[in-house]
Amino acid sequence: MGLRLWLAGLWGFAEATLFFIVPDVLLTWIAARYGAGQAARASFAAAAGAILGGVGMYMWAAHDAELARTVIGAIPAIAASMVSETGADVRSAGARAIFAGGFTGVPYKIYAVESGAAGIGMAWFVLATLAARLIRFLASSFLVAGLARLMARRFAPATINWALIAGWTGFYAGYFALMAG
């Protein structure tokens, strides 16, 4: 399990910074393959990694918001309008925006940058990050663990893996198409 925890933490960190595939991909694979308990532990590791990456993005934006915005604006599926709208949301709602944003499809890294740019308190930022990321990671993991357990009654493990691959491929095809349009 140690390697899976490190991978989850690293993926959480990477996605909070410049990577554009959510840790839920790894977490749901762990859930399908090893069950909800292993996925829960990996979810905590991914959330810890996301906090560390988010704090880095926050501090970068507190120092040079325009450069941070320019860099994240170059990441696939992030448009300048998404960054500016998220910034307005953070300035008006504060840490509540970070929490709500965890369930909207807007990349977390934008909330981290805009929180640093807006001067949201670090403690509020970290608490909102922990709540939003951990709840979402646990929810996706538990959902897939339950589905995998049901599917295991009728299907071979390889079929469950292919279903997971197809699900994430479909999700990202739709997401990137939506963000491009």
N, C-alpha and C. Protein backbone atom coordinates (compact mmCIF):
# COMPACT_ATOMS: atom_id res chain seq x y z
N MET A 1 0.83 -1.21 0.00
CA MET A 1 0.00 0.00 0.00
C MET A 1 0.87 1.26 0.00
N GLY A 2 2.09 1.17 0.49
CA GLY A 2 2.94 2.35 0.59
C GLY A 2 3.12 3.07 -0.73
N LEU A 3 3.38 2.32 -1.80
CA LEU A 3 3.58 2.94 -3.11
C LEU A 3 2.31 3.63 -3.58
N ARG A 4 1.17 3.00 -3.36
CA ARG A 4 -0.11 3.62 -3.77
C ARG A 4 -0.36 4.92 -3.02
N LEU A 5 -0.01 4.96 -1.74
CA LEU A 5 -0.17 6.20 -0.96
C LEU A 5 0.73 7.31 -1.51
N TRP A 6 1.99 6.96 -1.79
CA TRP A 6 2.91 7.96 -2.35
C TRP A 6 2.42 8.45 -3.71
N LEU A 7 1.95 7.51 -4.55
CA LEU A 7 1.42 7.90 -5.86
C LEU A 7 0.22 8.82 -5.72
N ALA A 8 -0.68 8.48 -4.80
CA ALA A 8 -1.87 9.31 -4.59
C ALA A 8 -1.48 10.70 -4.11
N GLY A 9 -0.55 10.78 -3.17
CA GLY A 9 -0.10 12.08 -2.68
C GLY A 9 0.57 12.89 -3.78
N LEU A 10 1.42 12.23 -4.56
CA LEU A 10 2.10 12.91 -5.66
C LEU A 10 1.10 13.38 -6.71
N TRP A 11 0.11 12.54 -7.02
CA TRP A 11 -0.90 12.92 -8.01
C TRP A 11 -1.73 14.09 -7.49
N GLY A 12 -2.09 14.06 -6.22
CA GLY A 12 -2.83 15.18 -5.63
C GLY A 12 -2.05 16.47 -5.74
N PHE A 13 -0.74 16.40 -5.46
CA PHE A 13 0.13 17.56 -5.58
C PHE A 13 0.21 18.03 -7.03
N ALA A 14 0.45 17.10 -7.94
CA ALA A 14 0.61 17.44 -9.36
C ALA A 14 -0.65 18.10 -9.93
N GLU A 15 -1.81 17.54 -9.60
CA GLU A 15 -3.05 18.10 -10.13
C GLU A 15 -3.37 19.45 -9.51
N ALA A 16 -2.92 19.68 -8.31
CA ALA A 16 -3.14 20.99 -7.67
C ALA A 16 -2.26 22.06 -8.29
N THR A 17 -1.22 21.63 -8.99
CA THR A 17 -0.28 22.59 -9.58
C THR A 17 -0.48 22.67 -11.08
N LEU A 18 0.17 21.82 -11.86
CA LEU A 18 0.12 21.99 -13.32
C LEU A 18 -0.43 20.79 -14.09
N PHE A 19 -0.59 19.65 -13.45
CA PHE A 19 -1.13 18.47 -14.13
C PHE A 19 -2.64 18.64 -14.28
N PHE A 20 -3.23 18.05 -15.29
CA PHE A 20 -4.64 18.32 -15.57
C PHE A 20 -5.56 17.10 -15.52
N ILE A 21 -5.10 15.99 -14.98
CA ILE A 21 -5.95 14.81 -14.79
C ILE A 21 -6.14 14.63 -13.28
N VAL A 22 -7.39 14.55 -12.84
CA VAL A 22 -7.70 14.52 -11.41
C VAL A 22 -7.22 13.23 -10.73
N PRO A 23 -6.87 13.33 -9.45
CA PRO A 23 -6.42 12.14 -8.70
C PRO A 23 -7.50 11.07 -8.60
N ASP A 24 -8.74 11.44 -8.81
CA ASP A 24 -9.84 10.49 -8.75
C ASP A 24 -9.62 9.31 -9.70
N VAL A 25 -8.87 9.53 -10.80
CA VAL A 25 -8.58 8.43 -11.72
C VAL A 25 -7.83 7.33 -10.99
N LEU A 26 -6.77 7.67 -10.31
CA LEU A 26 -6.01 6.69 -9.53
C LEU A 26 -6.82 6.17 -8.36
N LEU A 27 -7.50 7.06 -7.67
CA LEU A 27 -8.26 6.66 -6.48
C LEU A 27 -9.36 5.67 -6.82
N THR A 28 -10.04 5.87 -7.93
CA THR A 28 -11.10 4.94 -8.31
C THR A 28 -10.53 3.59 -8.75
N TRP A 29 -9.33 3.60 -9.35
CA TRP A 29 -8.69 2.34 -9.70
C TRP A 29 -8.35 1.58 -8.41
N ILE A 30 -7.80 2.29 -7.43
CA ILE A 30 -7.49 1.65 -6.14
C ILE A 30 -8.78 1.11 -5.52
N ALA A 31 -9.84 1.88 -5.60
CA ALA A 31 -11.12 1.45 -5.02
C ALA A 31 -11.63 0.19 -5.71
N ALA A 32 -11.56 0.15 -7.03
CA ALA A 32 -12.05 -1.00 -7.77
C ALA A 32 -11.19 -2.24 -7.52
N ARG A 33 -9.91 -2.04 -7.40
CA ARG A 33 -8.97 -3.16 -7.29
C ARG A 33 -8.78 -3.63 -5.84
N TYR A 34 -8.73 -2.68 -4.89
CA TYR A 34 -8.36 -3.03 -3.52
C TYR A 34 -9.44 -2.72 -2.48
N GLY A 35 -10.51 -2.06 -2.88
CA GLY A 35 -11.61 -1.80 -1.96
C GLY A 35 -11.63 -0.41 -1.35
N ALA A 36 -12.69 -0.14 -0.65
CA ALA A 36 -12.94 1.20 -0.10
C ALA A 36 -11.92 1.60 0.96
N GLY A 37 -11.49 0.68 1.78
CA GLY A 37 -10.53 1.03 2.84
C GLY A 37 -9.21 1.52 2.28
N GLN A 38 -8.67 0.81 1.31
CA GLN A 38 -7.42 1.23 0.68
C GLN A 38 -7.62 2.56 -0.05
N ALA A 39 -8.76 2.71 -0.71
CA ALA A 39 -9.03 3.95 -1.44
C ALA A 39 -9.21 5.12 -0.47
N ALA A 40 -9.77 4.88 0.70
CA ALA A 40 -9.92 5.95 1.69
C ALA A 40 -8.56 6.44 2.14
N ARG A 41 -7.65 5.52 2.42
CA ARG A 41 -6.30 5.93 2.83
C ARG A 41 -5.61 6.70 1.70
N ALA A 42 -5.77 6.23 0.48
CA ALA A 42 -5.17 6.93 -0.66
C ALA A 42 -5.83 8.29 -0.86
N SER A 43 -7.11 8.42 -0.55
CA SER A 43 -7.80 9.71 -0.65
C SER A 43 -7.22 10.73 0.32
N PHE A 44 -6.89 10.28 1.52
CA PHE A 44 -6.25 11.18 2.48
C PHE A 44 -4.88 11.62 1.97
N ALA A 45 -4.14 10.69 1.38
CA ALA A 45 -2.82 11.04 0.82
C ALA A 45 -2.97 12.03 -0.33
N ALA A 46 -3.96 11.81 -1.20
CA ALA A 46 -4.18 12.73 -2.33
C ALA A 46 -4.59 14.10 -1.83
N ALA A 47 -5.42 14.15 -0.79
CA ALA A 47 -5.83 15.44 -0.22
C ALA A 47 -4.64 16.16 0.40
N ALA A 48 -3.77 15.42 1.07
CA ALA A 48 -2.56 16.04 1.65
C ALA A 48 -1.68 16.60 0.54
N GLY A 49 -1.51 15.84 -0.53
CA GLY A 49 -0.74 16.33 -1.67
C GLY A 49 -1.37 17.56 -2.30
N ALA A 50 -2.69 17.56 -2.40
CA ALA A 50 -3.40 18.71 -2.96
C ALA A 50 -3.21 19.95 -2.10
N ILE A 51 -3.23 19.77 -0.79
CA ILE A 51 -2.99 20.91 0.11
C ILE A 51 -1.60 21.48 -0.12
N LEU A 52 -0.60 20.60 -0.18
CA LEU A 52 0.77 21.08 -0.40
C LEU A 52 0.90 21.80 -1.74
N GLY A 53 0.36 21.21 -2.79
CA GLY A 53 0.41 21.86 -4.10
C GLY A 53 -0.39 23.14 -4.12
N GLY A 54 -1.54 23.13 -3.48
CA GLY A 54 -2.38 24.32 -3.43
C GLY A 54 -1.71 25.46 -2.67
N VAL A 55 -1.04 25.13 -1.58
CA VAL A 55 -0.32 26.16 -0.82
C VAL A 55 0.79 26.76 -1.69
N GLY A 56 1.47 25.93 -2.46
CA GLY A 56 2.49 26.45 -3.36
C GLY A 56 1.92 27.40 -4.40
N MET A 57 0.78 27.02 -4.98
CA MET A 57 0.14 27.88 -5.98
C MET A 57 -0.36 29.17 -5.33
N TYR A 58 -0.92 29.05 -4.14
CA TYR A 58 -1.41 30.20 -3.37
C TYR A 58 -0.26 31.19 -3.14
N MET A 59 0.88 30.65 -2.67
CA MET A 59 2.01 31.53 -2.36
C MET A 59 2.59 32.15 -3.64
N TRP A 60 2.61 31.39 -4.72
CA TRP A 60 3.09 31.93 -5.99
C TRP A 60 2.22 33.11 -6.41
N ALA A 61 0.90 32.92 -6.35
CA ALA A 61 -0.02 33.99 -6.76
C ALA A 61 0.04 35.17 -5.80
N ALA A 62 0.27 34.93 -4.53
CA ALA A 62 0.40 36.04 -3.58
C ALA A 62 1.62 36.88 -3.94
N HIS A 63 2.62 36.25 -4.53
CA HIS A 63 3.85 36.95 -4.93
C HIS A 63 3.75 37.54 -6.34
N ASP A 64 3.17 36.78 -7.29
CA ASP A 64 3.08 37.24 -8.69
C ASP A 64 1.84 36.63 -9.34
N ALA A 65 0.69 37.22 -9.05
CA ALA A 65 -0.59 36.68 -9.51
C ALA A 65 -0.69 36.63 -11.03
N GLU A 66 -0.21 37.64 -11.70
CA GLU A 66 -0.35 37.67 -13.16
C GLU A 66 0.42 36.53 -13.82
N LEU A 67 1.64 36.27 -13.37
CA LEU A 67 2.41 35.17 -13.94
C LEU A 67 1.73 33.83 -13.64
N ALA A 68 1.26 33.65 -12.40
CA ALA A 68 0.57 32.42 -12.04
C ALA A 68 -0.68 32.23 -12.91
N ARG A 69 -1.44 33.29 -13.13
CA ARG A 69 -2.63 33.20 -13.98
C ARG A 69 -2.25 32.87 -15.43
N THR A 70 -1.18 33.45 -15.92
CA THR A 70 -0.75 33.18 -17.29
C THR A 70 -0.36 31.72 -17.45
N VAL A 71 0.38 31.19 -16.49
CA VAL A 71 0.82 29.80 -16.57
C VAL A 71 -0.36 28.84 -16.49
N ILE A 72 -1.26 29.04 -15.54
CA ILE A 72 -2.40 28.10 -15.46
C ILE A 72 -3.34 28.27 -16.64
N GLY A 73 -3.38 29.46 -17.22
CA GLY A 73 -4.20 29.67 -18.41
C GLY A 73 -3.72 28.89 -19.62
N ALA A 74 -2.47 28.41 -19.58
CA ALA A 74 -1.91 27.63 -20.69
C ALA A 74 -2.16 26.13 -20.52
N ILE A 75 -2.74 25.71 -19.40
CA ILE A 75 -3.03 24.31 -19.14
C ILE A 75 -4.27 23.90 -19.95
N PRO A 76 -4.26 22.69 -20.53
CA PRO A 76 -5.43 22.25 -21.31
C PRO A 76 -6.75 22.41 -20.56
N ALA A 77 -7.75 22.89 -21.27
CA ALA A 77 -9.13 23.05 -20.78
C ALA A 77 -9.29 24.18 -19.75
N ILE A 78 -8.31 25.07 -19.64
CA ILE A 78 -8.46 26.24 -18.77
C ILE A 78 -8.44 27.47 -19.66
N ALA A 79 -9.56 28.16 -19.70
CA ALA A 79 -9.67 29.38 -20.50
C ALA A 79 -9.50 30.60 -19.59
N ALA A 80 -9.08 31.70 -20.19
CA ALA A 80 -8.91 32.94 -19.43
C ALA A 80 -10.21 33.34 -18.75
N SER A 81 -11.34 33.10 -19.40
CA SER A 81 -12.63 33.45 -18.80
C SER A 81 -12.90 32.62 -17.55
N MET A 82 -12.45 31.37 -17.54
CA MET A 82 -12.63 30.52 -16.37
C MET A 82 -11.81 31.07 -15.20
N VAL A 83 -10.61 31.53 -15.49
CA VAL A 83 -9.75 32.09 -14.45
C VAL A 83 -10.36 33.37 -13.89
N SER A 84 -10.83 34.26 -14.77
CA SER A 84 -11.39 35.53 -14.28
C SER A 84 -12.70 35.31 -13.53
N GLU A 85 -13.54 34.40 -14.00
CA GLU A 85 -14.80 34.12 -13.30
C GLU A 85 -14.54 33.49 -11.93
N THR A 86 -13.57 32.60 -11.87
CA THR A 86 -13.22 31.98 -10.59
C THR A 86 -12.65 33.03 -9.63
N GLY A 87 -11.83 33.93 -10.16
CA GLY A 87 -11.29 35.01 -9.34
C GLY A 87 -12.40 35.86 -8.74
N ALA A 88 -13.39 36.19 -9.55
CA ALA A 88 -14.51 36.99 -9.05
C ALA A 88 -15.27 36.21 -7.97
N ASP A 89 -15.43 34.91 -8.19
CA ASP A 89 -16.12 34.07 -7.21
C ASP A 89 -15.36 34.03 -5.89
N VAL A 90 -14.04 33.87 -5.95
CA VAL A 90 -13.21 33.83 -4.74
C VAL A 90 -13.25 35.17 -4.02
N ARG A 91 -13.17 36.25 -4.76
CA ARG A 91 -13.20 37.57 -4.12
C ARG A 91 -14.55 37.84 -3.45
N SER A 92 -15.63 37.31 -3.99
CA SER A 92 -16.94 37.58 -3.39
C SER A 92 -17.32 36.58 -2.30
N ALA A 93 -16.92 35.32 -2.45
CA ALA A 93 -17.37 34.29 -1.50
C ALA A 93 -16.25 33.75 -0.61
N GLY A 94 -15.02 34.10 -0.87
CA GLY A 94 -13.91 33.64 -0.04
C GLY A 94 -13.74 32.14 -0.04
N ALA A 95 -13.46 31.58 1.13
CA ALA A 95 -13.19 30.15 1.26
C ALA A 95 -14.39 29.29 0.86
N ARG A 96 -15.59 29.83 0.97
CA ARG A 96 -16.79 29.08 0.53
C ARG A 96 -16.69 28.74 -0.96
N ALA A 97 -16.09 29.64 -1.74
CA ALA A 97 -15.93 29.39 -3.18
C ALA A 97 -15.00 28.20 -3.42
N ILE A 98 -13.96 28.09 -2.61
CA ILE A 98 -13.01 26.98 -2.75
C ILE A 98 -13.73 25.67 -2.48
N PHE A 99 -14.52 25.64 -1.42
CA PHE A 99 -15.25 24.42 -1.08
C PHE A 99 -16.24 24.06 -2.19
N ALA A 100 -17.06 25.00 -2.61
CA ALA A 100 -18.06 24.73 -3.64
C ALA A 100 -17.39 24.36 -4.96
N GLY A 101 -16.26 24.97 -5.24
CA GLY A 101 -15.56 24.71 -6.49
C GLY A 101 -15.09 23.28 -6.64
N GLY A 102 -14.92 22.59 -5.54
CA GLY A 102 -14.49 21.20 -5.59
C GLY A 102 -15.48 20.27 -6.27
N PHE A 103 -16.68 20.76 -6.53
CA PHE A 103 -17.73 19.93 -7.11
C PHE A 103 -18.29 20.51 -8.41
N THR A 104 -17.55 21.45 -9.02
CA THR A 104 -18.08 22.13 -10.20
C THR A 104 -17.38 21.78 -11.51
N GLY A 105 -16.22 21.17 -11.45
CA GLY A 105 -15.46 20.91 -12.67
C GLY A 105 -14.43 21.98 -12.98
N VAL A 106 -14.42 23.06 -12.18
CA VAL A 106 -13.38 24.09 -12.34
C VAL A 106 -12.14 23.57 -11.63
N PRO A 107 -11.01 23.54 -12.32
CA PRO A 107 -9.79 22.99 -11.70
C PRO A 107 -9.43 23.71 -10.40
N TYR A 108 -9.08 22.90 -9.40
CA TYR A 108 -8.72 23.41 -8.08
C TYR A 108 -7.58 24.42 -8.15
N LYS A 109 -6.63 24.20 -9.02
CA LYS A 109 -5.44 25.07 -9.11
C LYS A 109 -5.86 26.53 -9.36
N ILE A 110 -6.97 26.75 -10.04
CA ILE A 110 -7.44 28.13 -10.27
C ILE A 110 -7.88 28.74 -8.94
N TYR A 111 -8.58 27.96 -8.13
CA TYR A 111 -9.00 28.46 -6.81
C TYR A 111 -7.79 28.77 -5.95
N ALA A 112 -6.75 27.93 -6.04
CA ALA A 112 -5.55 28.16 -5.25
C ALA A 112 -4.88 29.46 -5.67
N VAL A 113 -4.73 29.66 -6.97
CA VAL A 113 -4.11 30.90 -7.47
C VAL A 113 -4.95 32.11 -7.09
N GLU A 114 -6.23 32.04 -7.31
CA GLU A 114 -7.09 33.19 -7.03
C GLU A 114 -7.21 33.47 -5.54
N SER A 115 -7.10 32.44 -4.71
CA SER A 115 -7.11 32.66 -3.26
C SER A 115 -5.86 33.40 -2.82
N GLY A 116 -4.72 33.03 -3.37
CA GLY A 116 -3.48 33.74 -3.05
C GLY A 116 -3.51 35.17 -3.55
N ALA A 117 -4.05 35.37 -4.75
CA ALA A 117 -4.14 36.71 -5.32
C ALA A 117 -5.09 37.59 -4.51
N ALA A 118 -6.17 36.99 -3.98
CA ALA A 118 -7.17 37.75 -3.25
C ALA A 118 -6.81 37.95 -1.78
N GLY A 119 -5.79 37.25 -1.31
CA GLY A 119 -5.40 37.39 0.08
C GLY A 119 -6.33 36.66 1.05
N ILE A 120 -6.97 35.59 0.58
CA ILE A 120 -7.79 34.77 1.48
C ILE A 120 -6.85 34.24 2.57
N GLY A 121 -7.27 34.20 3.79
CA GLY A 121 -6.43 33.71 4.88
C GLY A 121 -5.96 32.29 4.63
N MET A 122 -4.69 32.03 4.90
CA MET A 122 -4.11 30.70 4.65
C MET A 122 -4.86 29.61 5.39
N ALA A 123 -5.23 29.84 6.64
CA ALA A 123 -5.93 28.82 7.42
C ALA A 123 -7.27 28.47 6.77
N TRP A 124 -8.03 29.47 6.35
CA TRP A 124 -9.31 29.23 5.67
C TRP A 124 -9.09 28.50 4.35
N PHE A 125 -8.06 28.90 3.63
CA PHE A 125 -7.74 28.25 2.36
C PHE A 125 -7.45 26.76 2.57
N VAL A 126 -6.62 26.45 3.55
CA VAL A 126 -6.25 25.06 3.80
C VAL A 126 -7.47 24.25 4.28
N LEU A 127 -8.27 24.81 5.17
CA LEU A 127 -9.46 24.10 5.65
C LEU A 127 -10.46 23.85 4.52
N ALA A 128 -10.69 24.85 3.68
CA ALA A 128 -11.61 24.67 2.56
C ALA A 128 -11.07 23.66 1.57
N THR A 129 -9.77 23.68 1.35
CA THR A 129 -9.14 22.70 0.46
C THR A 129 -9.32 21.29 1.00
N LEU A 130 -9.00 21.10 2.28
CA LEU A 130 -9.14 19.78 2.89
C LEU A 130 -10.57 19.27 2.76
N ALA A 131 -11.53 20.10 3.11
CA ALA A 131 -12.93 19.67 3.04
C ALA A 131 -13.34 19.33 1.62
N ALA A 132 -13.07 20.21 0.69
CA ALA A 132 -13.53 20.01 -0.69
C ALA A 132 -12.84 18.81 -1.34
N ARG A 133 -11.52 18.74 -1.22
CA ARG A 133 -10.79 17.67 -1.89
C ARG A 133 -11.09 16.31 -1.25
N LEU A 134 -11.06 16.26 0.08
CA LEU A 134 -11.26 14.97 0.74
C LEU A 134 -12.67 14.43 0.51
N ILE A 135 -13.68 15.28 0.63
CA ILE A 135 -15.05 14.81 0.41
C ILE A 135 -15.21 14.27 -1.00
N ARG A 136 -14.69 15.00 -1.99
CA ARG A 136 -14.83 14.54 -3.37
C ARG A 136 -14.04 13.25 -3.62
N PHE A 137 -12.83 13.19 -3.12
CA PHE A 137 -12.02 11.99 -3.31
C PHE A 137 -12.68 10.77 -2.67
N LEU A 138 -13.16 10.94 -1.45
CA LEU A 138 -13.82 9.82 -0.77
C LEU A 138 -15.11 9.42 -1.48
N ALA A 139 -15.88 10.40 -1.93
CA ALA A 139 -17.14 10.09 -2.61
C ALA A 139 -16.89 9.29 -3.89
N SER A 140 -15.96 9.73 -4.71
CA SER A 140 -15.70 9.00 -5.96
C SER A 140 -15.14 7.61 -5.65
N SER A 141 -14.28 7.52 -4.66
CA SER A 141 -13.70 6.22 -4.30
C SER A 141 -14.76 5.26 -3.78
N PHE A 142 -15.60 5.73 -2.87
CA PHE A 142 -16.62 4.85 -2.30
C PHE A 142 -17.65 4.43 -3.33
N LEU A 143 -18.01 5.35 -4.21
CA LEU A 143 -18.96 5.01 -5.28
C LEU A 143 -18.40 3.90 -6.15
N VAL A 144 -17.16 4.06 -6.60
CA VAL A 144 -16.56 3.04 -7.47
C VAL A 144 -16.31 1.74 -6.72
N ALA A 145 -15.92 1.80 -5.46
CA ALA A 145 -15.72 0.57 -4.69
C ALA A 145 -17.03 -0.22 -4.62
N GLY A 146 -18.13 0.49 -4.38
CA GLY A 146 -19.43 -0.18 -4.33
C GLY A 146 -19.84 -0.76 -5.67
N LEU A 147 -19.64 0.01 -6.73
CA LEU A 147 -19.97 -0.49 -8.07
C LEU A 147 -19.11 -1.69 -8.44
N ALA A 148 -17.83 -1.61 -8.13
CA ALA A 148 -16.93 -2.72 -8.44
C ALA A 148 -17.33 -3.98 -7.68
N ARG A 149 -17.73 -3.80 -6.43
CA ARG A 149 -18.17 -4.95 -5.62
C ARG A 149 -19.40 -5.60 -6.25
N LEU A 150 -20.34 -4.76 -6.73
CA LEU A 150 -21.53 -5.30 -7.40
C LEU A 150 -21.16 -5.98 -8.71
N MET A 151 -20.29 -5.34 -9.48
CA MET A 151 -19.89 -5.91 -10.77
C MET A 151 -19.12 -7.21 -10.60
N ALA A 152 -18.38 -7.35 -9.51
CA ALA A 152 -17.56 -8.54 -9.29
C ALA A 152 -18.40 -9.80 -9.16
N ARG A 153 -19.68 -9.63 -8.88
CA ARG A 153 -20.57 -10.79 -8.79
C ARG A 153 -20.82 -11.42 -10.16
N ARG A 154 -20.68 -10.60 -11.22
CA ARG A 154 -21.01 -11.09 -12.57
C ARG A 154 -19.85 -11.01 -13.55
N PHE A 155 -18.86 -10.19 -13.25
CA PHE A 155 -17.82 -9.92 -14.24
C PHE A 155 -16.43 -10.20 -13.67
N ALA A 156 -15.53 -10.51 -14.59
CA ALA A 156 -14.13 -10.74 -14.24
C ALA A 156 -13.46 -9.41 -13.91
N PRO A 157 -12.38 -9.43 -13.13
CA PRO A 157 -11.67 -8.19 -12.80
C PRO A 157 -11.23 -7.40 -14.04
N ALA A 158 -10.85 -8.08 -15.09
CA ALA A 158 -10.44 -7.36 -16.32
C ALA A 158 -11.60 -6.55 -16.88
N THR A 159 -12.80 -7.06 -16.80
CA THR A 159 -13.97 -6.33 -17.29
C THR A 159 -14.21 -5.09 -16.46
N ILE A 160 -14.02 -5.19 -15.17
CA ILE A 160 -14.18 -4.04 -14.28
C ILE A 160 -13.12 -2.99 -14.60
N ASN A 161 -11.89 -3.43 -14.84
CA ASN A 161 -10.83 -2.48 -15.24
C ASN A 161 -11.20 -1.76 -16.54
N TRP A 162 -11.67 -2.52 -17.52
CA TRP A 162 -12.04 -1.90 -18.79
C TRP A 162 -13.21 -0.94 -18.63
N ALA A 163 -14.14 -1.27 -17.75
CA ALA A 163 -15.26 -0.36 -17.49
C ALA A 163 -14.77 0.94 -16.88
N LEU A 164 -13.79 0.84 -15.99
CA LEU A 164 -13.21 2.03 -15.37
C LEU A 164 -12.46 2.87 -16.41
N ILE A 165 -11.69 2.21 -17.24
CA ILE A 165 -10.97 2.92 -18.31
C ILE A 165 -11.96 3.61 -19.25
N ALA A 166 -13.00 2.89 -19.63
CA ALA A 166 -14.01 3.48 -20.53
C ALA A 166 -14.72 4.65 -19.86
N GLY A 167 -15.01 4.50 -18.57
CA GLY A 167 -15.68 5.59 -17.86
C GLY A 167 -14.83 6.86 -17.81
N TRP A 168 -13.56 6.72 -17.47
CA TRP A 168 -12.69 7.90 -17.40
C TRP A 168 -12.39 8.48 -18.78
N THR A 169 -12.25 7.60 -19.77
CA THR A 169 -12.04 8.10 -21.14
C THR A 169 -13.25 8.90 -21.60
N GLY A 170 -14.42 8.38 -21.35
CA GLY A 170 -15.65 9.10 -21.71
C GLY A 170 -15.79 10.40 -20.95
N PHE A 171 -15.46 10.37 -19.67
CA PHE A 171 -15.53 11.58 -18.85
C PHE A 171 -14.64 12.66 -19.43
N TYR A 172 -13.37 12.32 -19.68
CA TYR A 172 -12.43 13.33 -20.17
C TYR A 172 -12.72 13.75 -21.61
N ALA A 173 -13.22 12.86 -22.42
CA ALA A 173 -13.61 13.26 -23.78
C ALA A 173 -14.73 14.31 -23.70
N GLY A 174 -15.70 14.04 -22.86
CA GLY A 174 -16.80 15.00 -22.68
C GLY A 174 -16.33 16.30 -22.04
N TYR A 175 -15.49 16.19 -21.03
CA TYR A 175 -15.00 17.38 -20.32
C TYR A 175 -14.20 18.28 -21.26
N PHE A 176 -13.26 17.70 -21.99
CA PHE A 176 -12.43 18.51 -22.89
C PHE A 176 -13.27 19.10 -24.03
N ALA A 177 -14.26 18.34 -24.51
CA ALA A 177 -15.15 18.87 -25.55
C ALA A 177 -15.97 20.03 -25.01
N LEU A 178 -16.48 19.90 -23.80
CA LEU A 178 -17.26 20.97 -23.18
C LEU A 178 -16.41 22.21 -22.95
N MET A 179 -15.20 22.02 -22.45
CA MET A 179 -14.33 23.16 -22.18
C MET A 179 -13.83 23.84 -23.45
N ALA A 180 -13.74 23.07 -24.54
CA ALA A 180 -13.29 23.65 -25.82
C ALA A 180 -14.40 24.45 -26.49
N GLY A 181 -15.64 24.08 -26.19
CA GLY A 181 -16.79 24.72 -26.84
C GLY A 181 -17.25 25.88 -26.08
